[in-house]
Protein backbone atom coordinates (compact mmCIF):
# COMPACT_ATOMS: atom_id res chain seq x y z
CA UNK A 1 -11.87 8.96 -85.71
CA UNK A 2 -15.11 8.62 -83.80
CA UNK A 3 -18.44 7.56 -85.21
CA UNK A 4 -21.83 8.46 -83.80
CA UNK A 5 -24.24 5.57 -83.34
CA UNK A 6 -27.74 5.30 -81.97
CA UNK A 7 -28.50 2.40 -79.66
CA UNK A 8 -31.42 1.34 -77.50
CA UNK A 9 -30.87 0.19 -73.93
CA UNK A 10 -33.29 -0.94 -71.24
CA UNK A 11 -34.21 1.79 -68.76
CA UNK A 12 -32.66 -0.10 -65.83
CA UNK A 13 -29.41 -0.63 -67.74
CA UNK A 14 -29.29 3.03 -68.67
CA UNK A 15 -29.66 4.00 -65.00
CA UNK A 16 -26.76 1.69 -64.15
CA UNK A 17 -24.65 3.17 -66.96
CA UNK A 18 -25.40 6.71 -65.80
CA UNK A 19 -24.61 5.86 -62.18
CA UNK A 20 -21.35 4.18 -63.15
CA UNK A 21 -20.40 7.09 -65.40
CA UNK A 22 -21.12 9.60 -62.65
CA UNK A 23 -19.15 7.70 -60.00
CA UNK A 24 -16.18 7.29 -62.33
CA UNK A 25 -16.18 10.76 -63.91
CA UNK A 26 -17.00 9.34 -67.34
CA UNK A 27 -19.52 10.11 -70.03
CA UNK A 28 -22.17 7.66 -71.17
CA UNK A 29 -20.22 7.23 -74.39
CA UNK A 30 -17.07 6.51 -72.42
CA UNK A 31 -18.79 3.77 -70.41
CA UNK A 32 -20.33 2.16 -73.50
CA UNK A 33 -17.01 2.41 -75.38
CA UNK A 34 -15.11 0.80 -72.49
CA UNK A 35 -17.76 -1.92 -72.07
CA UNK A 36 -17.63 -2.83 -75.77
CA UNK A 37 -13.84 -2.89 -75.74
CA UNK A 38 -13.75 -5.11 -72.65
CA UNK A 39 -16.32 -7.48 -74.14
CA UNK A 40 -14.40 -7.83 -77.40
CA UNK A 41 -11.05 -8.36 -75.69
CA UNK A 42 -12.57 -11.00 -73.41
CA UNK A 43 -13.97 -12.89 -76.39
CA UNK A 44 -10.72 -12.65 -78.33
CA UNK A 45 -8.87 -13.98 -75.31
CA UNK A 46 -11.27 -16.90 -74.90
CA UNK A 47 -10.73 -17.92 -78.52
CA UNK A 48 -6.98 -17.46 -78.19
CA UNK A 49 -6.83 -19.65 -75.08
CA UNK A 50 -8.84 -22.34 -76.85
CA UNK A 51 -6.53 -22.17 -79.87
CA UNK A 52 -3.49 -22.25 -77.58
CA UNK A 53 -4.78 -25.40 -75.87
CA UNK A 54 -5.37 -27.06 -79.25
CA UNK A 55 -1.92 -25.99 -80.45
CA UNK A 56 -0.24 -27.36 -77.35
CA UNK A 57 -2.14 -30.65 -77.71
CA UNK A 58 -1.06 -30.91 -81.36
CA UNK A 59 2.58 -30.22 -80.44
CA UNK A 60 2.41 -32.80 -77.63
CA UNK A 61 0.87 -35.42 -79.93
CA UNK A 62 3.12 -34.87 -82.94
CA UNK A 63 6.27 -33.35 -81.48
CA UNK A 64 6.20 -30.82 -84.32
CA UNK A 65 5.12 -27.24 -84.91
CA UNK A 66 3.44 -26.91 -88.30
CA UNK A 67 2.56 -23.63 -90.05
CA UNK A 68 -1.01 -23.53 -88.72
CA UNK A 69 0.16 -24.12 -85.15
CA UNK A 70 2.86 -21.45 -85.48
CA UNK A 71 0.20 -18.94 -86.64
CA UNK A 72 -2.04 -19.83 -83.68
CA UNK A 73 0.88 -19.37 -81.28
CA UNK A 74 1.75 -16.00 -82.85
CA UNK A 75 -1.90 -14.88 -82.54
CA UNK A 76 -1.91 -15.88 -78.87
CA UNK A 77 1.31 -13.95 -78.29
CA UNK A 78 -0.13 -10.85 -80.03
CA UNK A 79 -3.27 -10.90 -77.91
CA UNK A 80 -1.28 -11.53 -74.74
CA UNK A 81 0.97 -8.53 -75.47
CA UNK A 82 -2.10 -6.36 -76.12
CA UNK A 83 -3.69 -7.36 -72.81
CA UNK A 84 -0.51 -7.16 -70.71
CA UNK A 85 0.74 -3.97 -72.30
CA UNK A 86 3.63 -5.72 -74.02
CA UNK A 87 5.05 -7.32 -70.88
CA UNK A 88 5.40 -10.71 -72.56
């Protein structure tokens, strides 16, 4: 399902979007959709890496994997599979 939205962009940014879309045989909507998706994935990955580092530190300090740490590790694995296309 697709939803129509109305957004406002600076003129210079819109020119860049249009140029990118033209060079890559995409629509404006396609560029904005891809940009939003990339932004969200990047942020999810940053949080996952931070959580992974904390989980690894907790495991190193305690020598145990508690429920919270196991959930963080599973989240990291899910995001990694999404980004790598399931190659993990």
